[in-house]
Amino acid sequence: MNFKIAIVVFTLVFWQKGVSQKKNYDISKIKVSKYIGFEKLAGGYQIRTNQVYPSKKDISIISYMRQNDNIPNVDLIIRYAFSKKDSLMKEIQYEFDIINFEDQIDKKQNLDFRKALVSHYLSFEEDLTSSFGKSKIKGKLSKNTHIDDRKDYYKMNTWILDNTKLELFIEMSNTINYEKFKYPVHKMIMKYKVTETPNIEYIIRKKRRLKSIPKKFTNRSRTPLLKKCRKTPTDACFMNTISDLVLKEAKRKKLILKNDTLKIGIDVKTNGKASLGINQTKNSELKKLVNQLFSSMETIEPAYSDYSKKYTQSSTSWYIIIKDNEMVNRFK
């Protein structure tokens, strides 16, 4: 069951007409068990998470996940905040938030992802406006808004429905400021919250920060940059320098390489973390030496793309042909 169908079912099941034939939108009179039953119908399953916590000691939170096919790499997470004393609802939060599924908190999102998130938001805004009328709006975002991969976007719609506040909002930013702990944000969230205490957010998200600020890179070459290659940032310098490290280590360990061939590959991520991607040779001792040598590599400045104006992940592989402990196919 997709998110939009779930909202329709939610409305039909829980917002019933009373004796006066007026619809009742008050979630504070509904126990959490009703919603747990609904999640089973909607195909949701409970998840354990430490990403959020309740703002008050007398509040509990349970979270569910449902599969989503509309936005890439993101599923729907629903969080229910309710009173421990009587199990009555305080807040319901529907989340399409990339941070729930992304380990790298400083990762930017591409244009396709941003357009999909905006399209989903505008579709919901239209449906909710049709159902509940005009909303109070903050921010600007419409079908005519030009979306790119650099600008920040924000919009919030608010409806007051009896004793329940309904909020729908979207936030997108690819901005990074490590010193101020500002990282990319891409989320669309819909909240139902009781209005008896309108200033209280019952569901609080834990703040995530990088343990250390990444080094500032200066490389503007399409080739990953080693310290030794600053004056000549070329593929040849990169491959020759790595090859020399292998031969130097073989000499230090007194490993005789009479007539050997090694295929080696080095992967470098956008944060400069390097790892051994390929290690192929018929010489088992040489293979072992290479694994040990590159088990913990120093930071390598990542490759830079002039087209996208950002650092990119790269993989470089080549053959080292060795005769009498010397490389005979040095690159020029």
C-alpha atoms as a PDB file:
ATOM      1  CA  MET A   1       0.000   0.000   0.000  1.00  0.00           C
ATOM      2  CA  ASN A   2       1.540   3.323  -1.008  1.00  0.00           C
ATOM      3  CA  PHE A   3       1.690   6.463   1.100  1.00  0.00           C
ATOM      4  CA  LYS A   4      -1.186   8.296  -0.601  1.00  0.00           C
ATOM      5  CA  ILE A   5      -3.570   5.338  -0.335  1.00  0.00           C
ATOM      6  CA  ALA A   6      -2.565   5.004   3.317  1.00  0.00           C
ATOM      7  CA  ILE A   7      -3.649   8.594   3.987  1.00  0.00           C
ATOM      8  CA  VAL A   8      -7.043   7.955   2.401  1.00  0.00           C
ATOM      9  CA  VAL A   9      -7.551   4.839   4.503  1.00  0.00           C
ATOM     10  CA  PHE A  10      -6.342   6.721   7.577  1.00  0.00           C
ATOM     11  CA  THR A  11      -8.965   9.421   6.976  1.00  0.00           C
ATOM     12  CA  LEU A  12     -11.796   6.949   6.438  1.00  0.00           C
ATOM     13  CA  VAL A  13     -10.970   4.770   9.450  1.00  0.00           C
ATOM     14  CA  PHE A  14     -10.097   7.330  12.116  1.00  0.00           C
ATOM     15  CA  TRP A  15     -11.765  10.615  11.203  1.00  0.00           C
ATOM     16  CA  GLN A  16     -15.370   9.496  11.621  1.00  0.00           C
ATOM     17  CA  LYS A  17     -18.473  11.656  11.563  1.00  0.00           C
ATOM     18  CA  GLY A  18     -20.134  12.206  14.933  1.00  0.00           C
ATOM     19  CA  VAL A  19     -23.804  12.657  15.786  1.00  0.00           C
ATOM     20  CA  SER A  20     -23.681  16.226  14.496  1.00  0.00           C
ATOM     21  CA  GLN A  21     -22.380  14.903  11.165  1.00  0.00           C
ATOM     22  CA  LYS A  22     -19.267  17.007  11.666  1.00  0.00           C
ATOM     23  CA  LYS A  23     -15.991  15.219  11.085  1.00  0.00           C
ATOM     24  CA  ASN A  24     -13.796  14.730  14.134  1.00  0.00           C
ATOM     25  CA  TYR A  25     -10.059  15.110  13.468  1.00  0.00           C
ATOM     26  CA  ASP A  26      -8.928  14.815  17.108  1.00  0.00           C
ATOM     27  CA  ILE A  27      -6.127  12.204  17.313  1.00  0.00           C
ATOM     28  CA  SER A  28      -5.790  12.736  21.089  1.00  0.00           C
ATOM     29  CA  LYS A  29      -8.860  10.544  21.648  1.00  0.00           C
ATOM     30  CA  ILE A  30      -7.414   7.548  19.782  1.00  0.00           C
ATOM     31  CA  LYS A  31      -5.193   4.901  21.360  1.00  0.00           C
ATOM     32  CA  VAL A  32      -1.987   3.754  19.729  1.00  0.00           C
ATOM     33  CA  SER A  33      -3.331   0.186  19.383  1.00  0.00           C
ATOM     34  CA  LYS A  34      -5.635   1.437  16.608  1.00  0.00           C
ATOM     35  CA  TYR A  35      -2.649   2.607  14.597  1.00  0.00           C
ATOM     36  CA  ILE A  36      -0.692  -0.565  15.220  1.00  0.00           C
ATOM     37  CA  GLY A  37      -3.610  -2.479  13.720  1.00  0.00           C
ATOM     38  CA  PHE A  38      -3.660  -0.097  10.782  1.00  0.00           C
ATOM     39  CA  GLU A  39       0.076  -0.627  10.158  1.00  0.00           C
ATOM     40  CA  LYS A  40      -0.543  -4.356   9.771  1.00  0.00           C
ATOM     41  CA  LEU A  41      -3.183  -3.607   7.128  1.00  0.00           C
ATOM     42  CA  ALA A  42      -0.871  -1.157   5.358  1.00  0.00           C
ATOM     43  CA  GLY A  43       2.049  -3.624   5.192  1.00  0.00           C
ATOM     44  CA  GLY A  44       4.152  -1.807   7.764  1.00  0.00           C
ATOM     45  CA  TYR A  45       6.591  -3.551  10.089  1.00  0.00           C
ATOM     46  CA  GLN A  46       8.000  -2.293  13.373  1.00  0.00           C
ATOM     47  CA  ILE A  47      11.628  -1.162  13.446  1.00  0.00           C
ATOM     48  CA  ARG A  48      14.054  -0.594  16.303  1.00  0.00           C
ATOM     49  CA  THR A  49      15.838   2.729  16.042  1.00  0.00           C
ATOM     50  CA  ASN A  50      17.889   5.110  18.178  1.00  0.00           C
ATOM     51  CA  GLN A  51      17.515   8.006  15.722  1.00  0.00           C
ATOM     52  CA  VAL A  52      14.759   9.702  17.738  1.00  0.00           C
ATOM     53  CA  TYR A  53      13.709  10.061  21.362  1.00  0.00           C
ATOM     54  CA  PRO A  54      10.643  11.472  23.203  1.00  0.00           C
ATOM     55  CA  SER A  55      10.780  15.032  24.519  1.00  0.00           C
ATOM     56  CA  LYS A  56       9.004  14.049  27.751  1.00  0.00           C
ATOM     57  CA  LYS A  57       9.467  11.131  30.163  1.00  0.00           C
ATOM     58  CA  ASP A  58       5.775  10.203  30.059  1.00  0.00           C
ATOM     59  CA  ILE A  59       5.838   9.738  26.249  1.00  0.00           C
ATOM     60  CA  SER A  60       6.742   6.607  24.267  1.00  0.00           C
ATOM     61  CA  ILE A  61       7.566   6.302  20.568  1.00  0.00           C
ATOM     62  CA  ILE A  62       7.199   3.328  18.244  1.00  0.00           C
ATOM     63  CA  SER A  63       8.359   3.365  14.619  1.00  0.00           C
ATOM     64  CA  TYR A  64       7.199   1.469  11.543  1.00  0.00           C
ATOM     65  CA  MET A  65       8.504   1.207   8.000  1.00  0.00           C
ATOM     66  CA  ARG A  66       6.662   0.749   4.723  1.00  0.00           C
ATOM     67  CA  GLN A  67       8.127   0.141   1.297  1.00  0.00           C
ATOM     68  CA  ASN A  68       8.157   3.093  -1.101  1.00  0.00           C
ATOM     69  CA  ASP A  69       8.778   3.091  -4.850  1.00  0.00           C
ATOM     70  CA  ASN A  70       8.287   6.805  -5.574  1.00  0.00           C
ATOM     71  CA  ILE A  71      11.531   8.270  -4.225  1.00  0.00           C
ATOM     72  CA  PRO A  72      14.879   6.497  -4.857  1.00  0.00           C
ATOM     73  CA  ASN A  73      16.744   4.996  -1.880  1.00  0.00           C
ATOM     74  CA  VAL A  74      14.099   6.054   0.654  1.00  0.00           C
ATOM     75  CA  ASP A  75      11.260   4.128   2.319  1.00  0.00           C
ATOM     76  CA  LEU A  76       8.468   5.588   4.415  1.00  0.00           C
ATOM     77  CA  ILE A  77       8.982   5.654   8.188  1.00  0.00           C
ATOM     78  CA  ILE A  78       6.034   6.355  10.485  1.00  0.00           C
ATOM     79  CA  ARG A  79       6.554   7.317  14.116  1.00  0.00           C
ATOM     80  CA  TYR A  80       3.821   7.259  16.756  1.00  0.00           C
ATOM     81  CA  ALA A  81       4.234   9.261  19.978  1.00  0.00           C
ATOM     82  CA  PHE A  82       1.729   8.407  22.706  1.00  0.00           C
ATOM     83  CA  SER A  83       1.139   8.762  26.428  1.00  0.00           C
ATOM     84  CA  LYS A  84       2.569   5.973  28.604  1.00  0.00           C
ATOM     85  CA  LYS A  85      -0.290   6.431  31.065  1.00  0.00           C
ATOM     86  CA  ASP A  86      -3.311   5.847  28.795  1.00  0.00           C
ATOM     87  CA  SER A  87      -1.765   5.077  25.339  1.00  0.00           C
ATOM     88  CA  LEU A  88      -3.572   8.070  23.775  1.00  0.00           C
ATOM     89  CA  MET A  89      -1.910   9.673  20.761  1.00  0.00           C
ATOM     90  CA  LYS A  90       0.158  12.857  20.910  1.00  0.00           C
ATOM     91  CA  GLU A  91       1.870  12.958  17.520  1.00  0.00           C
ATOM     92  CA  ILE A  92       2.133  10.969  14.271  1.00  0.00           C
ATOM     93  CA  GLN A  93       5.016  11.627  11.917  1.00  0.00           C
ATOM     94  CA  TYR A  94       5.389  10.351   8.349  1.00  0.00           C
ATOM     95  CA  GLU A  95       8.978  10.656   7.099  1.00  0.00           C
ATOM     96  CA  PHE A  96      10.630  10.509   3.717  1.00  0.00           C
ATOM     97  CA  ASP A  97      14.086  11.431   5.028  1.00  0.00           C
ATOM     98  CA  ILE A  98      17.328  10.314   3.372  1.00  0.00           C
ATOM     99  CA  ILE A  99      19.189  10.562   6.700  1.00  0.00           C
ATOM    100  CA  ASN A 100      17.282   7.471   7.867  1.00  0.00           C
ATOM    101  CA  PHE A 101      19.050   5.422   5.177  1.00  0.00           C
ATOM    102  CA  GLU A 102      22.354   7.216   4.564  1.00  0.00           C
ATOM    103  CA  ASP A 103      25.487   6.427   6.609  1.00  0.00           C
ATOM    104  CA  GLN A 104      27.469   9.308   5.120  1.00  0.00           C
ATOM    105  CA  ILE A 105      25.873  12.432   6.606  1.00  0.00           C
ATOM    106  CA  ASP A 106      27.850  14.830   4.389  1.00  0.00           C
ATOM    107  CA  LYS A 107      26.683  13.219   1.146  1.00  0.00           C
ATOM    108  CA  LYS A 108      24.966  15.493  -1.361  1.00  0.00           C
ATOM    109  CA  GLN A 109      21.927  14.343  -3.353  1.00  0.00           C
ATOM    110  CA  ASN A 110      21.698  14.490  -7.130  1.00  0.00           C
ATOM    111  CA  LEU A 111      19.150  16.317  -9.259  1.00  0.00           C
ATOM    112  CA  ASP A 112      17.010  13.239  -9.985  1.00  0.00           C
ATOM    113  CA  PHE A 113      16.511  12.584  -6.272  1.00  0.00           C
ATOM    114  CA  ARG A 114      15.626  16.223  -5.575  1.00  0.00           C
ATOM    115  CA  LYS A 115      13.095  16.364  -8.402  1.00  0.00           C
ATOM    116  CA  ALA A 116      11.440  13.132  -7.208  1.00  0.00           C
ATOM    117  CA  LEU A 117      11.122  14.502  -3.661  1.00  0.00           C
ATOM    118  CA  VAL A 118       9.638  17.788  -4.875  1.00  0.00           C
ATOM    119  CA  SER A 119       7.183  16.011  -7.165  1.00  0.00           C
ATOM    120  CA  HIS A 120       6.002  13.856  -4.268  1.00  0.00           C
ATOM    121  CA  TYR A 121       5.579  16.877  -2.020  1.00  0.00           C
ATOM    122  CA  LEU A 122       3.586  18.887  -4.559  1.00  0.00           C
ATOM    123  CA  SER A 123       1.305  15.918  -5.195  1.00  0.00           C
ATOM    124  CA  PHE A 124       0.515  15.657  -1.482  1.00  0.00           C
ATOM    125  CA  GLU A 125       0.063  19.392  -1.116  1.00  0.00           C
ATOM    126  CA  GLU A 126      -2.526  19.311  -3.892  1.00  0.00           C
ATOM    127  CA  ASP A 127      -4.430  16.365  -2.377  1.00  0.00           C
ATOM    128  CA  LEU A 128      -4.444  17.774   1.159  1.00  0.00           C
ATOM    129  CA  THR A 129      -5.553  21.202  -0.067  1.00  0.00           C
ATOM    130  CA  SER A 130      -8.394  19.539  -1.952  1.00  0.00           C
ATOM    131  CA  SER A 131      -9.445  17.722   1.237  1.00  0.00           C
ATOM    132  CA  PHE A 132      -8.930  20.425   3.881  1.00  0.00           C
ATOM    133  CA  GLY A 133      -8.890  23.723   2.026  1.00  0.00           C
ATOM    134  CA  LYS A 134      -6.234  26.416   1.982  1.00  0.00           C
ATOM    135  CA  SER A 135      -3.335  26.157   4.409  1.00  0.00           C
ATOM    136  CA  LYS A 136      -1.017  28.610   6.089  1.00  0.00           C
ATOM    137  CA  ILE A 137       2.150  28.605   3.974  1.00  0.00           C
ATOM    138  CA  LYS A 138       5.794  29.374   4.687  1.00  0.00           C
ATOM    139  CA  GLY A 139       8.340  29.295   1.873  1.00  0.00           C
ATOM    140  CA  LYS A 140       7.898  29.084  -1.874  1.00  0.00           C
ATOM    141  CA  LEU A 141       7.816  25.947  -3.999  1.00  0.00           C
ATOM    142  CA  SER A 142       5.548  25.157  -6.955  1.00  0.00           C
ATOM    143  CA  LYS A 143       5.449  23.289 -10.265  1.00  0.00           C
ATOM    144  CA  ASN A 144       7.027  26.378 -11.836  1.00  0.00           C
ATOM    145  CA  THR A 145      10.004  26.445  -9.436  1.00  0.00           C
ATOM    146  CA  HIS A 146      13.290  25.656 -11.156  1.00  0.00           C
ATOM    147  CA  ILE A 147      15.038  22.831  -9.296  1.00  0.00           C
ATOM    148  CA  ASP A 148      18.813  22.413  -9.484  1.00  0.00           C
ATOM    149  CA  ASP A 149      21.380  20.531  -7.381  1.00  0.00           C
ATOM    150  CA  ARG A 150      22.810  23.567  -5.571  1.00  0.00           C
ATOM    151  CA  LYS A 151      20.033  25.799  -4.204  1.00  0.00           C
ATOM    152  CA  ASP A 152      18.250  25.328  -0.881  1.00  0.00           C
ATOM    153  CA  TYR A 153      14.470  24.770  -0.909  1.00  0.00           C
ATOM    154  CA  TYR A 154      11.900  24.915   1.889  1.00  0.00           C
ATOM    155  CA  LYS A 155       8.122  25.012   2.181  1.00  0.00           C
ATOM    156  CA  MET A 156       5.611  24.254   4.956  1.00  0.00           C
ATOM    157  CA  ASN A 157       1.820  23.924   4.852  1.00  0.00           C
ATOM    158  CA  THR A 158      -0.180  24.021   8.103  1.00  0.00           C
ATOM    159  CA  TRP A 159      -3.835  23.122   8.662  1.00  0.00           C
ATOM    160  CA  ILE A 160      -5.657  23.346  12.031  1.00  0.00           C
ATOM    161  CA  LEU A 161      -8.265  20.572  12.209  1.00  0.00           C
ATOM    162  CA  ASP A 162     -10.161  20.733  15.499  1.00  0.00           C
ATOM    163  CA  ASN A 163      -7.674  19.661  18.174  1.00  0.00           C
ATOM    164  CA  THR A 164      -5.101  18.452  15.650  1.00  0.00           C
ATOM    165  CA  LYS A 165      -2.454  20.391  13.749  1.00  0.00           C
ATOM    166  CA  LEU A 166      -1.510  18.944  10.357  1.00  0.00           C
ATOM    167  CA  GLU A 167       1.848  19.975   8.920  1.00  0.00           C
ATOM    168  CA  LEU A 168       3.358  19.062   5.578  1.00  0.00           C
ATOM    169  CA  PHE A 169       6.841  20.321   4.821  1.00  0.00           C
ATOM    170  CA  ILE A 170       9.851  19.762   2.608  1.00  0.00           C
ATOM    171  CA  GLU A 171      13.464  20.806   3.109  1.00  0.00           C
ATOM    172  CA  MET A 172      16.327  20.306   0.660  1.00  0.00           C
ATOM    173  CA  SER A 173      19.882  21.544   0.981  1.00  0.00           C
ATOM    174  CA  ASN A 174      23.246  20.390  -0.371  1.00  0.00           C
ATOM    175  CA  THR A 175      25.110  22.969   1.719  1.00  0.00           C
ATOM    176  CA  ILE A 176      28.063  21.774   3.817  1.00  0.00           C
ATOM    177  CA  ASN A 177      29.818  23.758   6.549  1.00  0.00           C
ATOM    178  CA  TYR A 178      31.912  21.437   8.686  1.00  0.00           C
ATOM    179  CA  GLU A 179      32.898  24.104  11.210  1.00  0.00           C
ATOM    180  CA  LYS A 180      29.201  24.841  11.945  1.00  0.00           C
ATOM    181  CA  PHE A 181      28.152  21.174  11.703  1.00  0.00           C
ATOM    182  CA  LYS A 182      25.863  21.920   8.754  1.00  0.00           C
ATOM    183  CA  TYR A 183      25.271  18.970   6.443  1.00  0.00           C
ATOM    184  CA  PRO A 184      22.988  18.219   3.467  1.00  0.00           C
ATOM    185  CA  VAL A 185      19.281  17.798   4.294  1.00  0.00           C
ATOM    186  CA  HIS A 186      16.664  16.146   2.076  1.00  0.00           C
ATOM    187  CA  LYS A 187      13.348  15.313   3.710  1.00  0.00           C
ATOM    188  CA  MET A 188       9.589  15.468   3.276  1.00  0.00           C
ATOM    189  CA  ILE A 189       7.587  15.088   6.478  1.00  0.00           C
ATOM    190  CA  MET A 190       3.908  15.110   7.388  1.00  0.00           C
ATOM    191  CA  LYS A 191       2.867  15.502  11.047  1.00  0.00           C
ATOM    192  CA  TYR A 192      -0.376  15.149  12.952  1.00  0.00           C
ATOM    193  CA  LYS A 193       0.004  16.715  16.406  1.00  0.00           C
ATOM    194  CA  VAL A 194      -2.405  17.559  19.208  1.00  0.00           C
ATOM    195  CA  THR A 195      -2.778  21.321  19.671  1.00  0.00           C
ATOM    196  CA  GLU A 196      -3.311  21.318  23.429  1.00  0.00           C
ATOM    197  CA  THR A 197       0.394  22.070  23.786  1.00  0.00           C
ATOM    198  CA  PRO A 198       1.248  23.522  20.339  1.00  0.00           C
ATOM    199  CA  ASN A 199       4.857  24.437  21.128  1.00  0.00           C
ATOM    200  CA  ILE A 200       5.889  20.910  22.123  1.00  0.00           C
ATOM    201  CA  GLU A 201       7.601  18.604  19.650  1.00  0.00           C
ATOM    202  CA  TYR A 202       7.065  15.140  21.064  1.00  0.00           C
ATOM    203  CA  ILE A 203       9.448  13.414  18.637  1.00  0.00           C
ATOM    204  CA  ILE A 204      13.037  14.697  18.771  1.00  0.00           C
ATOM    205  CA  ARG A 205      15.737  13.593  16.330  1.00  0.00           C
ATOM    206  CA  LYS A 206      19.243  12.987  17.637  1.00  0.00           C
ATOM    207  CA  LYS A 207      21.825  15.250  16.045  1.00  0.00           C
ATOM    208  CA  ARG A 208      24.499  13.513  14.024  1.00  0.00           C
ATOM    209  CA  ARG A 209      27.967  14.958  13.630  1.00  0.00           C
ATOM    210  CA  LEU A 210      31.154  13.814  11.993  1.00  0.00           C
ATOM    211  CA  LYS A 211      33.768  12.739  14.537  1.00  0.00           C
ATOM    212  CA  SER A 212      36.367  14.835  12.783  1.00  0.00           C
ATOM    213  CA  ILE A 213      36.330  17.599  10.195  1.00  0.00           C
ATOM    214  CA  PRO A 214      37.531  16.300   6.806  1.00  0.00           C
ATOM    215  CA  LYS A 215      40.762  17.701   5.492  1.00  0.00           C
ATOM    216  CA  LYS A 216      40.457  20.483   2.950  1.00  0.00           C
ATOM    217  CA  PHE A 217      41.683  19.221  -0.390  1.00  0.00           C
ATOM    218  CA  THR A 218      43.476  21.278  -3.012  1.00  0.00           C
ATOM    219  CA  ASN A 219      43.579  18.751  -5.833  1.00  0.00           C
ATOM    220  CA  ARG A 220      41.972  19.960  -9.086  1.00  0.00           C
ATOM    221  CA  SER A 221      43.129  17.046 -11.214  1.00  0.00           C
ATOM    222  CA  ARG A 222      40.986  14.169 -12.453  1.00  0.00           C
ATOM    223  CA  THR A 223      43.658  11.891 -10.925  1.00  0.00           C
ATOM    224  CA  PRO A 224      43.803  11.137  -7.170  1.00  0.00           C
ATOM    225  CA  LEU A 225      46.696  13.118  -5.709  1.00  0.00           C
ATOM    226  CA  LEU A 226      49.588  11.639  -3.717  1.00  0.00           C
ATOM    227  CA  LYS A 227      51.937  13.930  -1.788  1.00  0.00           C
ATOM    228  CA  LYS A 228      54.830  12.904  -4.001  1.00  0.00           C
ATOM    229  CA  CYS A 229      52.876  13.868  -7.135  1.00  0.00           C
ATOM    230  CA  ARG A 230      51.923  17.456  -6.280  1.00  0.00           C
ATOM    231  CA  LYS A 231      54.194  18.871  -8.984  1.00  0.00           C
ATOM    232  CA  THR A 232      53.090  16.268 -11.539  1.00  0.00           C
ATOM    233  CA  PRO A 233      49.469  15.229 -10.739  1.00  0.00           C
ATOM    234  CA  THR A 234      49.191  12.626 -13.499  1.00  0.00           C
ATOM    235  CA  ASP A 235      48.050   9.021 -13.821  1.00  0.00           C
ATOM    236  CA  ALA A 236      51.649   8.032 -14.554  1.00  0.00           C
ATOM    237  CA  CYS A 237      52.964   9.582 -11.330  1.00  0.00           C
ATOM    238  CA  PHE A 238      50.159   7.991  -9.302  1.00  0.00           C
ATOM    239  CA  MET A 239      50.732   4.483 -10.701  1.00  0.00           C
ATOM    240  CA  ASN A 240      54.539   4.661 -10.610  1.00  0.00           C
ATOM    241  CA  THR A 241      54.543   5.909  -6.998  1.00  0.00           C
ATOM    242  CA  ILE A 242      52.245   3.114  -5.792  1.00  0.00           C
ATOM    243  CA  SER A 243      54.307   0.564  -7.754  1.00  0.00           C
ATOM    244  CA  ASP A 244      57.504   1.855  -6.153  1.00  0.00           C
ATOM    245  CA  LEU A 245      55.959   1.357  -2.700  1.00  0.00           C
ATOM    246  CA  VAL A 246      55.355  -2.319  -3.519  1.00  0.00           C
ATOM    247  CA  LEU A 247      58.896  -2.872  -4.777  1.00  0.00           C
ATOM    248  CA  LYS A 248      60.414  -0.976  -1.857  1.00  0.00           C
ATOM    249  CA  GLU A 249      58.487  -3.164   0.584  1.00  0.00           C
ATOM    250  CA  ALA A 250      59.543  -6.318  -1.277  1.00  0.00           C
ATOM    251  CA  LYS A 251      63.171  -5.222  -1.010  1.00  0.00           C
ATOM    252  CA  ARG A 252      62.778  -4.471   2.709  1.00  0.00           C
ATOM    253  CA  LYS A 253      61.361  -7.950   3.311  1.00  0.00           C
ATOM    254  CA  LYS A 254      64.016  -9.501   1.046  1.00  0.00           C
ATOM    255  CA  LEU A 255      61.359 -11.015  -1.200  1.00  0.00           C
ATOM    256  CA  ILE A 256      62.912 -12.102  -4.485  1.00  0.00           C
ATOM    257  CA  LEU A 257      60.735 -11.273  -7.502  1.00  0.00           C
ATOM    258  CA  LYS A 258      62.442 -12.874 -10.479  1.00  0.00           C
ATOM    259  CA  ASN A 259      59.708 -12.739 -13.103  1.00  0.00           C
ATOM    260  CA  ASP A 260      56.318 -11.677 -11.744  1.00  0.00           C
ATOM    261  CA  THR A 261      53.220  -9.763 -12.827  1.00  0.00           C
ATOM    262  CA  LEU A 262      50.910  -7.971 -10.425  1.00  0.00           C
ATOM    263  CA  LYS A 263      47.567  -6.370 -11.228  1.00  0.00           C
ATOM    264  CA  ILE A 264      46.761  -3.767  -8.623  1.00  0.00           C
ATOM    265  CA  GLY A 265      43.818  -1.412  -8.142  1.00  0.00           C
ATOM    266  CA  ILE A 266      43.401   1.502  -5.728  1.00  0.00           C
ATOM    267  CA  ASP A 267      39.971   2.915  -4.820  1.00  0.00           C
ATOM    268  CA  VAL A 268      39.743   6.452  -3.449  1.00  0.00           C
ATOM    269  CA  LYS A 269      36.505   7.809  -1.954  1.00  0.00           C
ATOM    270  CA  THR A 270      35.432  11.449  -1.922  1.00  0.00           C
ATOM    271  CA  ASN A 271      36.616  11.836   1.684  1.00  0.00           C
ATOM    272  CA  GLY A 272      40.134  10.714   0.751  1.00  0.00           C
ATOM    273  CA  LYS A 273      39.847   7.249   2.234  1.00  0.00           C
ATOM    274  CA  ALA A 274      41.825   4.830   0.064  1.00  0.00           C
ATOM    275  CA  SER A 275      41.634   1.066  -0.112  1.00  0.00           C
ATOM    276  CA  LEU A 276      43.023  -1.834  -2.100  1.00  0.00           C
ATOM    277  CA  GLY A 277      40.487  -2.811  -4.765  1.00  0.00           C
ATOM    278  CA  ILE A 278      42.463  -5.317  -6.880  1.00  0.00           C
ATOM    279  CA  ASN A 279      45.368  -7.598  -5.933  1.00  0.00           C
ATOM    280  CA  GLN A 280      45.973 -10.308  -8.525  1.00  0.00           C
ATOM    281  CA  THR A 281      49.183 -12.297  -8.960  1.00  0.00           C
ATOM    282  CA  LYS A 282      50.283 -15.927  -9.155  1.00  0.00           C
ATOM    283  CA  ASN A 283      52.920 -15.231  -6.508  1.00  0.00           C
ATOM    284  CA  SER A 284      51.246 -15.912  -3.141  1.00  0.00           C
ATOM    285  CA  GLU A 285      54.037 -14.171  -1.175  1.00  0.00           C
ATOM    286  CA  LEU A 286      53.690 -11.036  -3.302  1.00  0.00           C
ATOM    287  CA  LYS A 287      49.917 -11.103  -2.861  1.00  0.00           C
ATOM    288  CA  LYS A 288      50.322 -11.339   0.912  1.00  0.00           C
ATOM    289  CA  LEU A 289      52.846  -8.484   0.909  1.00  0.00           C
ATOM    290  CA  VAL A 290      50.476  -6.203  -1.040  1.00  0.00           C
ATOM    291  CA  ASN A 291      47.563  -6.966   1.299  1.00  0.00           C
ATOM    292  CA  GLN A 292      49.667  -6.096   4.332  1.00  0.00           C
ATOM    293  CA  LEU A 293      51.153  -2.978   2.739  1.00  0.00           C
ATOM    294  CA  PHE A 294      47.784  -1.458   1.853  1.00  0.00           C
ATOM    295  CA  SER A 295      45.752  -2.708   4.826  1.00  0.00           C
ATOM    296  CA  SER A 296      45.912   0.814   6.235  1.00  0.00           C
ATOM    297  CA  MET A 297      46.522   3.511   3.648  1.00  0.00           C
ATOM    298  CA  GLU A 298      47.198   7.196   4.170  1.00  0.00           C
ATOM    299  CA  THR A 299      44.628   9.757   2.983  1.00  0.00           C
ATOM    300  CA  ILE A 300      44.828  10.399  -0.745  1.00  0.00           C
ATOM    301  CA  GLU A 301      43.284  13.564  -2.151  1.00  0.00           C
ATOM    302  CA  PRO A 302      40.350  12.409  -4.320  1.00  0.00           C
ATOM    303  CA  ALA A 303      39.948  13.012  -8.024  1.00  0.00           C
ATOM    304  CA  TYR A 304      38.257  16.275  -9.010  1.00  0.00           C
ATOM    305  CA  SER A 305      35.645  16.697 -11.742  1.00  0.00           C
ATOM    306  CA  ASP A 306      35.781  19.970 -13.676  1.00  0.00           C
ATOM    307  CA  TYR A 307      32.351  19.191 -15.118  1.00  0.00           C
ATOM    308  CA  SER A 308      30.476  18.818 -11.812  1.00  0.00           C
ATOM    309  CA  LYS A 309      32.877  21.015  -9.804  1.00  0.00           C
ATOM    310  CA  LYS A 310      33.219  18.481  -6.991  1.00  0.00           C
ATOM    311  CA  TYR A 311      35.362  15.584  -5.775  1.00  0.00           C
ATOM    312  CA  THR A 312      34.469  12.150  -7.095  1.00  0.00           C
ATOM    313  CA  GLN A 313      35.106   8.554  -6.149  1.00  0.00           C
ATOM    314  CA  SER A 314      37.622   6.809  -8.392  1.00  0.00           C
ATOM    315  CA  SER A 315      39.166   3.424  -9.102  1.00  0.00           C
ATOM    316  CA  THR A 316      42.566   3.102 -10.789  1.00  0.00           C
ATOM    317  CA  SER A 317      44.057  -0.233 -11.840  1.00  0.00           C
ATOM    318  CA  TRP A 318      47.167  -1.258 -13.748  1.00  0.00           C
ATOM    319  CA  TYR A 319      49.758  -4.019 -14.229  1.00  0.00           C
ATOM    320  CA  ILE A 320      53.197  -4.029 -12.653  1.00  0.00           C
ATOM    321  CA  ILE A 321      55.615  -6.216 -14.607  1.00  0.00           C
ATOM    322  CA  ILE A 322      58.605  -7.147 -12.454  1.00  0.00           C
ATOM    323  CA  LYS A 323      61.934  -8.647 -13.449  1.00  0.00           C
ATOM    324  CA  ASP A 324      64.709  -9.089 -10.920  1.00  0.00           C
ATOM    325  CA  ASN A 325      62.866  -6.854  -8.415  1.00  0.00           C
ATOM    326  CA  GLU A 326      62.603  -3.996 -10.909  1.00  0.00           C
ATOM    327  CA  MET A 327      59.509  -2.607 -12.641  1.00  0.00           C
ATOM    328  CA  VAL A 328      60.071  -2.825 -16.398  1.00  0.00           C
ATOM    329  CA  ASN A 329      56.888  -1.083 -17.577  1.00  0.00           C
ATOM    330  CA  ARG A 330      57.109   2.330 -15.909  1.00  0.00           C
ATOM    331  CA  PHE A 331      54.497   4.791 -17.096  1.00  0.00           C
ATOM    332  CA  LYS A 332      55.342   8.026 -18.859  1.00  0.00           C
END
